[in-house]
Amino acid sequence: MDIDRLTQIIEAEVRKALSEMEQSSNPPQQVERKKLLAVFTSGCACQKTALNQIEQLIGADYDVTAVLSPIAVELMAKQVENIKGISAVLTEGFAAEISNMIEETETIVVPLLSRTAAAKLALGIADELALMVVMQGLIGGKSVIAAKDAADPQGANCPFLATENTPTALIQLAKNYLKTLESFGMKLVDAPQLADVVMNKPKRYIHQIADKSGKTLITQSVIANLSEDIKTVAIPNPAIITPLAYDCAKERGIEIVVKK
């Protein structure tokens, strides 16, 4: 064999061995996951959307610990526990552990802010673990981001949706609670935008399909013709959504929300 060729082979094997030794002695460092507390104060309106937002954050390498209010424990504990990647699910018995967790966390999110929770927090009342987490986070200057859908009396997903017969003063009372929370430093967003706001992504626009008499038919072509910046479609109830429309929405990363 040619001596030069043999020398090249030996050098290549030596370099390879040295590289493997260096890699074994210096294993790649794992990226530290950002800690996040997800506080669920109810379990009715926008439940599916709220859970989806948490799944998105886990997929973006957030270390999520869920905190459930008593009513959320009754209505959606199993659904929260079934989310893959949640570090822990805390309820009333974990109050002693909360202070350190709040100190270590980067962001507190409220995927389901109920009307009752909004009212209590606006009045400075934190009489359960979930509210204590939010209040302590606000007091400590933490980033607190909440989905306002279920707390806005004029929002389509509010379980206590205002009607034409609702006293104006009652509507204004609920809105004042939300304004007070914003003055405390809480950022209020639409539920489908929660994960994007936490991750500081550009706003994803929502396409509202107008209410019509009878059932609304959503076909594949309706979804396919939406502009690229639309990532959520709000559809009036009742509606018929074809399987191909769902498939098209999934491929494009569009969430379909049926108004209640």
C-alpha atoms as a PDB file:
ATOM      1  CA  MET A   1       0.000   0.000   0.000  1.00  0.00           C
ATOM      2  CA  ASP A   2       1.157   3.517  -0.738  1.00  0.00           C
ATOM      3  CA  ILE A   3       2.755   5.030   2.419  1.00  0.00           C
ATOM      4  CA  ASP A   4       1.089   8.424   1.894  1.00  0.00           C
ATOM      5  CA  ARG A   5      -2.293   6.763   1.553  1.00  0.00           C
ATOM      6  CA  LEU A   6      -1.661   4.702   4.716  1.00  0.00           C
ATOM      7  CA  THR A   7      -0.668   7.865   6.599  1.00  0.00           C
ATOM      8  CA  GLN A   8      -3.920   9.587   5.536  1.00  0.00           C
ATOM      9  CA  ILE A   9      -5.982   6.642   6.764  1.00  0.00           C
ATOM     10  CA  ILE A  10      -4.209   6.600  10.139  1.00  0.00           C
ATOM     11  CA  GLU A  11      -4.620  10.357  10.570  1.00  0.00           C
ATOM     12  CA  ALA A  12      -8.338  10.128   9.753  1.00  0.00           C
ATOM     13  CA  GLU A  13      -8.845   7.337  12.320  1.00  0.00           C
ATOM     14  CA  VAL A  14      -6.933   9.275  14.980  1.00  0.00           C
ATOM     15  CA  ARG A  15      -9.015  12.416  14.362  1.00  0.00           C
ATOM     16  CA  LYS A  16     -12.184  10.346  14.570  1.00  0.00           C
ATOM     17  CA  ALA A  17     -11.118   8.747  17.865  1.00  0.00           C
ATOM     18  CA  LEU A  18     -10.143  12.117  19.362  1.00  0.00           C
ATOM     19  CA  SER A  19     -13.490  13.606  18.280  1.00  0.00           C
ATOM     20  CA  GLU A  20     -15.428  10.765  19.909  1.00  0.00           C
ATOM     21  CA  MET A  21     -13.403  11.144  23.119  1.00  0.00           C
ATOM     22  CA  GLU A  22     -14.108  14.882  23.208  1.00  0.00           C
ATOM     23  CA  GLN A  23     -17.830  14.353  22.682  1.00  0.00           C
ATOM     24  CA  SER A  24     -18.023  11.724  25.422  1.00  0.00           C
ATOM     25  CA  SER A  25     -16.179  13.940  27.908  1.00  0.00           C
ATOM     26  CA  ASN A  26     -18.260  17.011  26.981  1.00  0.00           C
ATOM     27  CA  PRO A  27     -21.858  15.833  26.469  1.00  0.00           C
ATOM     28  CA  PRO A  28     -24.201  18.385  24.857  1.00  0.00           C
ATOM     29  CA  GLN A  29     -25.784  20.670  27.410  1.00  0.00           C
ATOM     30  CA  GLN A  30     -29.535  20.502  27.712  1.00  0.00           C
ATOM     31  CA  VAL A  31     -31.422  23.732  27.175  1.00  0.00           C
ATOM     32  CA  GLU A  32     -33.106  24.782  30.417  1.00  0.00           C
ATOM     33  CA  ARG A  33     -36.874  24.820  29.986  1.00  0.00           C
ATOM     34  CA  LYS A  34     -38.741  27.982  30.943  1.00  0.00           C
ATOM     35  CA  LYS A  35     -40.942  27.448  33.978  1.00  0.00           C
ATOM     36  CA  LEU A  36     -44.610  28.373  33.697  1.00  0.00           C
ATOM     37  CA  LEU A  37     -47.603  28.103  36.025  1.00  0.00           C
ATOM     38  CA  ALA A  38     -50.973  27.489  34.337  1.00  0.00           C
ATOM     39  CA  VAL A  39     -53.887  28.456  36.596  1.00  0.00           C
ATOM     40  CA  PHE A  40     -57.341  27.084  35.747  1.00  0.00           C
ATOM     41  CA  THR A  41     -60.138  28.936  37.551  1.00  0.00           C
ATOM     42  CA  SER A  42     -63.101  27.272  35.812  1.00  0.00           C
ATOM     43  CA  GLY A  43     -63.872  24.444  33.439  1.00  0.00           C
ATOM     44  CA  CYS A  44     -66.643  25.367  31.050  1.00  0.00           C
ATOM     45  CA  ALA A  45     -66.134  27.963  28.323  1.00  0.00           C
ATOM     46  CA  CYS A  46     -63.174  27.497  25.944  1.00  0.00           C
ATOM     47  CA  GLN A  47     -61.979  24.367  27.748  1.00  0.00           C
ATOM     48  CA  LYS A  48     -60.696  22.682  24.579  1.00  0.00           C
ATOM     49  CA  THR A  49     -58.973  25.870  23.430  1.00  0.00           C
ATOM     50  CA  ALA A  50     -57.349  26.378  26.831  1.00  0.00           C
ATOM     51  CA  LEU A  51     -55.930  22.865  26.888  1.00  0.00           C
ATOM     52  CA  ASN A  52     -54.673  23.276  23.330  1.00  0.00           C
ATOM     53  CA  GLN A  53     -52.804  26.448  24.300  1.00  0.00           C
ATOM     54  CA  ILE A  54     -51.050  24.631  27.143  1.00  0.00           C
ATOM     55  CA  GLU A  55     -50.093  21.785  24.798  1.00  0.00           C
ATOM     56  CA  GLN A  56     -48.560  24.352  22.439  1.00  0.00           C
ATOM     57  CA  LEU A  57     -46.466  25.819  25.248  1.00  0.00           C
ATOM     58  CA  ILE A  58     -45.260  22.381  26.338  1.00  0.00           C
ATOM     59  CA  GLY A  59     -44.335  21.689  22.722  1.00  0.00           C
ATOM     60  CA  ALA A  60     -42.301  24.907  22.762  1.00  0.00           C
ATOM     61  CA  ASP A  61     -40.215  23.577  25.698  1.00  0.00           C
ATOM     62  CA  TYR A  62     -42.052  25.265  28.548  1.00  0.00           C
ATOM     63  CA  ASP A  63     -42.028  23.383  31.853  1.00  0.00           C
ATOM     64  CA  VAL A  64     -45.701  23.686  32.836  1.00  0.00           C
ATOM     65  CA  THR A  65     -47.170  23.129  36.289  1.00  0.00           C
ATOM     66  CA  ALA A  66     -50.968  23.298  36.442  1.00  0.00           C
ATOM     67  CA  VAL A  67     -52.851  24.802  39.396  1.00  0.00           C
ATOM     68  CA  LEU A  68     -56.574  23.982  39.627  1.00  0.00           C
ATOM     69  CA  SER A  69     -59.320  25.799  41.510  1.00  0.00           C
ATOM     70  CA  PRO A  70     -61.916  23.630  43.282  1.00  0.00           C
ATOM     71  CA  ILE A  71     -64.412  24.013  40.424  1.00  0.00           C
ATOM     72  CA  ALA A  72     -61.731  23.227  37.853  1.00  0.00           C
ATOM     73  CA  VAL A  73     -60.889  20.065  39.826  1.00  0.00           C
ATOM     74  CA  GLU A  74     -64.513  18.972  39.500  1.00  0.00           C
ATOM     75  CA  LEU A  75     -64.932  19.830  35.832  1.00  0.00           C
ATOM     76  CA  MET A  76     -61.590  19.183  34.140  1.00  0.00           C
ATOM     77  CA  ALA A  77     -58.975  17.587  36.397  1.00  0.00           C
ATOM     78  CA  LYS A  78     -58.794  14.450  34.257  1.00  0.00           C
ATOM     79  CA  GLN A  79     -58.390  16.435  31.023  1.00  0.00           C
ATOM     80  CA  VAL A  80     -55.526  18.445  32.513  1.00  0.00           C
ATOM     81  CA  GLU A  81     -53.825  15.368  33.939  1.00  0.00           C
ATOM     82  CA  ASN A  82     -54.000  13.716  30.510  1.00  0.00           C
ATOM     83  CA  ILE A  83     -51.899  16.441  28.870  1.00  0.00           C
ATOM     84  CA  LYS A  84     -48.534  14.903  28.056  1.00  0.00           C
ATOM     85  CA  GLY A  85     -45.612  16.853  29.477  1.00  0.00           C
ATOM     86  CA  ILE A  86     -47.253  18.634  32.421  1.00  0.00           C
ATOM     87  CA  SER A  87     -44.820  18.540  35.331  1.00  0.00           C
ATOM     88  CA  ALA A  88     -47.451  18.487  38.085  1.00  0.00           C
ATOM     89  CA  VAL A  89     -51.099  19.230  38.811  1.00  0.00           C
ATOM     90  CA  LEU A  90     -51.572  21.136  42.077  1.00  0.00           C
ATOM     91  CA  THR A  91     -54.773  21.636  44.050  1.00  0.00           C
ATOM     92  CA  GLU A  92     -55.645  23.077  47.463  1.00  0.00           C
ATOM     93  CA  GLY A  93     -53.311  20.760  49.398  1.00  0.00           C
ATOM     94  CA  PHE A  94     -50.135  22.251  47.912  1.00  0.00           C
ATOM     95  CA  ALA A  95     -50.282  25.804  49.290  1.00  0.00           C
ATOM     96  CA  ALA A  96     -46.953  25.460  51.123  1.00  0.00           C
ATOM     97  CA  GLU A  97     -45.086  24.794  47.858  1.00  0.00           C
ATOM     98  CA  ILE A  98     -46.443  27.739  45.913  1.00  0.00           C
ATOM     99  CA  SER A  99     -44.150  30.588  47.054  1.00  0.00           C
ATOM    100  CA  ASN A 100     -40.974  28.959  45.753  1.00  0.00           C
ATOM    101  CA  MET A 101     -42.682  27.918  42.523  1.00  0.00           C
ATOM    102  CA  ILE A 102     -43.870  31.475  41.858  1.00  0.00           C
ATOM    103  CA  GLU A 103     -40.390  32.809  42.544  1.00  0.00           C
ATOM    104  CA  GLU A 104     -38.856  30.359  40.071  1.00  0.00           C
ATOM    105  CA  THR A 105     -41.483  30.717  37.352  1.00  0.00           C
ATOM    106  CA  GLU A 106     -41.120  33.091  34.431  1.00  0.00           C
ATOM    107  CA  THR A 107     -44.795  33.477  33.532  1.00  0.00           C
ATOM    108  CA  ILE A 108     -48.193  32.759  35.073  1.00  0.00           C
ATOM    109  CA  VAL A 109     -50.980  32.063  32.587  1.00  0.00           C
ATOM    110  CA  VAL A 110     -54.699  31.769  33.255  1.00  0.00           C
ATOM    111  CA  PRO A 111     -56.121  29.784  30.322  1.00  0.00           C
ATOM    112  CA  LEU A 112     -59.603  29.916  31.886  1.00  0.00           C
ATOM    113  CA  LEU A 113     -60.334  33.142  33.770  1.00  0.00           C
ATOM    114  CA  SER A 114     -63.885  32.883  35.108  1.00  0.00           C
ATOM    115  CA  ARG A 115     -66.214  35.808  35.885  1.00  0.00           C
ATOM    116  CA  THR A 116     -66.043  34.909  39.577  1.00  0.00           C
ATOM    117  CA  ALA A 117     -62.237  34.739  39.588  1.00  0.00           C
ATOM    118  CA  ALA A 118     -61.978  38.076  37.776  1.00  0.00           C
ATOM    119  CA  ALA A 119     -64.312  39.719  40.312  1.00  0.00           C
ATOM    120  CA  LYS A 120     -62.483  38.326  43.332  1.00  0.00           C
ATOM    121  CA  LEU A 121     -59.025  39.227  42.070  1.00  0.00           C
ATOM    122  CA  ALA A 122     -60.157  42.740  41.143  1.00  0.00           C
ATOM    123  CA  LEU A 123     -61.368  43.159  44.728  1.00  0.00           C
ATOM    124  CA  GLY A 124     -58.110  41.769  46.148  1.00  0.00           C
ATOM    125  CA  ILE A 125     -59.713  38.501  47.294  1.00  0.00           C
ATOM    126  CA  ALA A 126     -57.563  35.353  47.055  1.00  0.00           C
ATOM    127  CA  ASP A 127     -59.445  32.773  49.097  1.00  0.00           C
ATOM    128  CA  GLU A 128     -58.263  29.655  47.250  1.00  0.00           C
ATOM    129  CA  LEU A 129     -54.963  28.332  45.942  1.00  0.00           C
ATOM    130  CA  ALA A 130     -55.506  29.239  42.280  1.00  0.00           C
ATOM    131  CA  LEU A 131     -56.313  32.862  43.139  1.00  0.00           C
ATOM    132  CA  MET A 132     -53.411  33.010  45.610  1.00  0.00           C
ATOM    133  CA  VAL A 133     -51.012  32.061  42.806  1.00  0.00           C
ATOM    134  CA  VAL A 134     -52.321  34.798  40.510  1.00  0.00           C
ATOM    135  CA  MET A 135     -52.417  37.449  43.246  1.00  0.00           C
ATOM    136  CA  GLN A 136     -48.945  36.624  44.523  1.00  0.00           C
ATOM    137  CA  GLY A 137     -47.655  36.710  40.969  1.00  0.00           C
ATOM    138  CA  LEU A 138     -49.137  40.175  40.426  1.00  0.00           C
ATOM    139  CA  ILE A 139     -47.763  41.417  43.746  1.00  0.00           C
ATOM    140  CA  GLY A 140     -44.331  40.057  42.834  1.00  0.00           C
ATOM    141  CA  GLY A 141     -44.357  41.717  39.422  1.00  0.00           C
ATOM    142  CA  LYS A 142     -44.468  38.461  37.473  1.00  0.00           C
ATOM    143  CA  SER A 143     -45.815  38.350  33.937  1.00  0.00           C
ATOM    144  CA  VAL A 144     -49.472  37.285  34.302  1.00  0.00           C
ATOM    145  CA  ILE A 145     -51.388  36.568  31.083  1.00  0.00           C
ATOM    146  CA  ALA A 146     -55.058  35.531  31.150  1.00  0.00           C
ATOM    147  CA  ALA A 147     -57.634  34.474  28.563  1.00  0.00           C
ATOM    148  CA  LYS A 148     -60.605  36.789  29.075  1.00  0.00           C
ATOM    149  CA  ASP A 149     -63.218  34.946  26.972  1.00  0.00           C
ATOM    150  CA  ALA A 150     -65.189  33.458  29.866  1.00  0.00           C
ATOM    151  CA  ALA A 151     -65.038  36.669  31.917  1.00  0.00           C
ATOM    152  CA  ASP A 152     -66.162  39.146  29.255  1.00  0.00           C
ATOM    153  CA  PRO A 153     -69.974  39.530  29.464  1.00  0.00           C
ATOM    154  CA  GLN A 154     -70.126  40.481  25.802  1.00  0.00           C
ATOM    155  CA  GLY A 155     -67.765  37.774  24.594  1.00  0.00           C
ATOM    156  CA  ALA A 156     -69.235  34.942  22.521  1.00  0.00           C
ATOM    157  CA  ASN A 157     -67.789  32.275  24.839  1.00  0.00           C
ATOM    158  CA  CYS A 158     -68.904  33.779  28.152  1.00  0.00           C
ATOM    159  CA  PRO A 159     -71.184  31.350  30.061  1.00  0.00           C
ATOM    160  CA  PHE A 160     -73.097  34.383  31.401  1.00  0.00           C
ATOM    161  CA  LEU A 161     -73.423  36.121  28.063  1.00  0.00           C
ATOM    162  CA  ALA A 162     -75.196  39.475  28.283  1.00  0.00           C
ATOM    163  CA  THR A 163     -78.499  39.812  26.413  1.00  0.00           C
ATOM    164  CA  GLU A 164     -80.551  42.782  25.314  1.00  0.00           C
ATOM    165  CA  ASN A 165     -82.357  42.575  28.661  1.00  0.00           C
ATOM    166  CA  THR A 166     -79.194  42.636  30.784  1.00  0.00           C
ATOM    167  CA  PRO A 167     -78.899  45.861  32.808  1.00  0.00           C
ATOM    168  CA  THR A 168     -76.153  48.083  31.457  1.00  0.00           C
ATOM    169  CA  ALA A 169     -74.787  48.568  34.964  1.00  0.00           C
ATOM    170  CA  LEU A 170     -74.281  44.829  35.368  1.00  0.00           C
ATOM    171  CA  ILE A 171     -72.366  44.599  32.097  1.00  0.00           C
ATOM    172  CA  GLN A 172     -70.247  47.580  33.092  1.00  0.00           C
ATOM    173  CA  LEU A 173     -69.502  46.005  36.468  1.00  0.00           C
ATOM    174  CA  ALA A 174     -67.952  42.945  34.819  1.00  0.00           C
ATOM    175  CA  LYS A 175     -65.999  45.111  32.391  1.00  0.00           C
ATOM    176  CA  ASN A 176     -64.709  47.261  35.244  1.00  0.00           C
ATOM    177  CA  TYR A 177     -63.329  44.158  36.935  1.00  0.00           C
ATOM    178  CA  LEU A 178     -61.346  43.369  33.789  1.00  0.00           C
ATOM    179  CA  LYS A 179     -60.066  46.954  33.565  1.00  0.00           C
ATOM    180  CA  THR A 180     -58.970  46.758  37.193  1.00  0.00           C
ATOM    181  CA  LEU A 181     -57.030  43.544  36.516  1.00  0.00           C
ATOM    182  CA  GLU A 182     -55.283  45.256  33.606  1.00  0.00           C
ATOM    183  CA  SER A 183     -54.371  48.125  35.928  1.00  0.00           C
ATOM    184  CA  PHE A 184     -52.793  45.510  38.238  1.00  0.00           C
ATOM    185  CA  GLY A 185     -50.525  44.468  35.367  1.00  0.00           C
ATOM    186  CA  MET A 186     -52.467  41.445  34.091  1.00  0.00           C
ATOM    187  CA  LYS A 187     -52.448  41.082  30.310  1.00  0.00           C
ATOM    188  CA  LEU A 188     -55.869  40.007  28.986  1.00  0.00           C
ATOM    189  CA  VAL A 189     -55.991  38.199  25.636  1.00  0.00           C
ATOM    190  CA  ASP A 190     -58.315  36.050  23.538  1.00  0.00           C
ATOM    191  CA  ALA A 191     -57.989  32.353  24.409  1.00  0.00           C
ATOM    192  CA  PRO A 192     -56.670  31.237  20.969  1.00  0.00           C
ATOM    193  CA  GLN A 193     -53.889  33.860  21.227  1.00  0.00           C
ATOM    194  CA  LEU A 194     -52.616  32.851  24.672  1.00  0.00           C
ATOM    195  CA  ALA A 195     -49.631  30.700  23.666  1.00  0.00           C
ATOM    196  CA  ASP A 196     -48.508  33.157  20.989  1.00  0.00           C
ATOM    197  CA  VAL A 197     -48.581  36.056  23.464  1.00  0.00           C
ATOM    198  CA  VAL A 198     -46.561  34.057  26.009  1.00  0.00           C
ATOM    199  CA  MET A 199     -43.989  33.235  23.332  1.00  0.00           C
ATOM    200  CA  ASN A 200     -44.058  36.819  21.937  1.00  0.00           C
ATOM    201  CA  LYS A 201     -45.131  35.625  18.512  1.00  0.00           C
ATOM    202  CA  PRO A 202     -46.850  37.951  16.020  1.00  0.00           C
ATOM    203  CA  LYS A 203     -50.616  38.183  16.443  1.00  0.00           C
ATOM    204  CA  ARG A 204     -52.536  35.445  14.677  1.00  0.00           C
ATOM    205  CA  TYR A 205     -55.729  36.815  13.253  1.00  0.00           C
ATOM    206  CA  ILE A 206     -59.171  35.317  13.899  1.00  0.00           C
ATOM    207  CA  HIS A 207     -61.645  34.971  11.080  1.00  0.00           C
ATOM    208  CA  GLN A 208     -65.234  35.446  12.238  1.00  0.00           C
ATOM    209  CA  ILE A 209     -67.920  33.734  10.169  1.00  0.00           C
ATOM    210  CA  ALA A 210     -71.142  35.743  10.477  1.00  0.00           C
ATOM    211  CA  ASP A 211     -74.261  34.266  12.048  1.00  0.00           C
ATOM    212  CA  LYS A 212     -76.915  33.239   9.540  1.00  0.00           C
ATOM    213  CA  SER A 213     -80.316  31.637   9.771  1.00  0.00           C
ATOM    214  CA  GLY A 214     -80.119  27.853   9.811  1.00  0.00           C
ATOM    215  CA  LYS A 215     -76.923  25.811   9.932  1.00  0.00           C
ATOM    216  CA  THR A 216     -73.661  27.167   8.562  1.00  0.00           C
ATOM    217  CA  LEU A 217     -71.825  24.770   6.227  1.00  0.00           C
ATOM    218  CA  ILE A 218     -68.027  24.835   6.445  1.00  0.00           C
ATOM    219  CA  THR A 219     -66.359  22.964   3.596  1.00  0.00           C
ATOM    220  CA  GLN A 220     -62.743  22.348   2.635  1.00  0.00           C
ATOM    221  CA  SER A 221     -62.835  25.239   0.166  1.00  0.00           C
ATOM    222  CA  VAL A 222     -63.909  27.676   2.914  1.00  0.00           C
ATOM    223  CA  ILE A 223     -60.794  26.809   4.927  1.00  0.00           C
ATOM    224  CA  ALA A 224     -58.498  26.596   1.916  1.00  0.00           C
ATOM    225  CA  ASN A 225     -59.456  30.112   0.770  1.00  0.00           C
ATOM    226  CA  LEU A 226     -58.550  31.767   4.086  1.00  0.00           C
ATOM    227  CA  SER A 227     -55.503  34.047   4.050  1.00  0.00           C
ATOM    228  CA  GLU A 228     -52.240  32.714   5.501  1.00  0.00           C
ATOM    229  CA  ASP A 229     -52.281  34.993   8.562  1.00  0.00           C
ATOM    230  CA  ILE A 230     -55.549  33.494   9.853  1.00  0.00           C
ATOM    231  CA  LYS A 231     -54.956  30.756  12.419  1.00  0.00           C
ATOM    232  CA  THR A 232     -58.361  30.646  14.146  1.00  0.00           C
ATOM    233  CA  VAL A 233     -61.851  30.444  12.644  1.00  0.00           C
ATOM    234  CA  ALA A 234     -64.850  31.306  14.835  1.00  0.00           C
ATOM    235  CA  ILE A 235     -68.021  29.613  13.579  1.00  0.00           C
ATOM    236  CA  PRO A 236     -71.600  30.235  14.764  1.00  0.00           C
ATOM    237  CA  ASN A 237     -73.581  27.394  16.295  1.00  0.00           C
ATOM    238  CA  PRO A 238     -75.295  25.376  14.847  1.00  0.00           C
ATOM    239  CA  ALA A 239     -72.889  24.521  12.054  1.00  0.00           C
ATOM    240  CA  ILE A 240     -71.912  21.618   9.816  1.00  0.00           C
ATOM    241  CA  ILE A 241     -68.163  21.157   9.382  1.00  0.00           C
ATOM    242  CA  THR A 242     -67.077  18.549   6.859  1.00  0.00           C
ATOM    243  CA  PRO A 243     -64.270  16.084   7.673  1.00  0.00           C
ATOM    244  CA  LEU A 244     -62.217  17.487   4.772  1.00  0.00           C
ATOM    245  CA  ALA A 245     -62.578  20.971   6.281  1.00  0.00           C
ATOM    246  CA  TYR A 246     -61.144  19.683   9.574  1.00  0.00           C
ATOM    247  CA  ASP A 247     -58.294  17.946   7.693  1.00  0.00           C
ATOM    248  CA  CYS A 248     -57.504  21.122   5.760  1.00  0.00           C
ATOM    249  CA  ALA A 249     -57.537  23.182   8.958  1.00  0.00           C
ATOM    250  CA  LYS A 250     -55.178  20.736  10.671  1.00  0.00           C
ATOM    251  CA  GLU A 251     -52.738  20.851   7.762  1.00  0.00           C
ATOM    252  CA  ARG A 252     -52.674  24.640   7.843  1.00  0.00           C
ATOM    253  CA  GLY A 253     -52.488  24.884  11.637  1.00  0.00           C
ATOM    254  CA  ILE A 254     -55.900  26.558  11.870  1.00  0.00           C
ATOM    255  CA  GLU A 255     -58.056  26.092  14.973  1.00  0.00           C
ATOM    256  CA  ILE A 256     -61.821  25.836  14.444  1.00  0.00           C
ATOM    257  CA  VAL A 257     -63.828  27.296  17.339  1.00  0.00           C
ATOM    258  CA  VAL A 258     -67.595  26.824  17.396  1.00  0.00           C
ATOM    259  CA  LYS A 259     -69.321  29.635  19.302  1.00  0.00           C
ATOM    260  CA  LYS A 260     -71.716  28.593  22.025  1.00  0.00           C
END
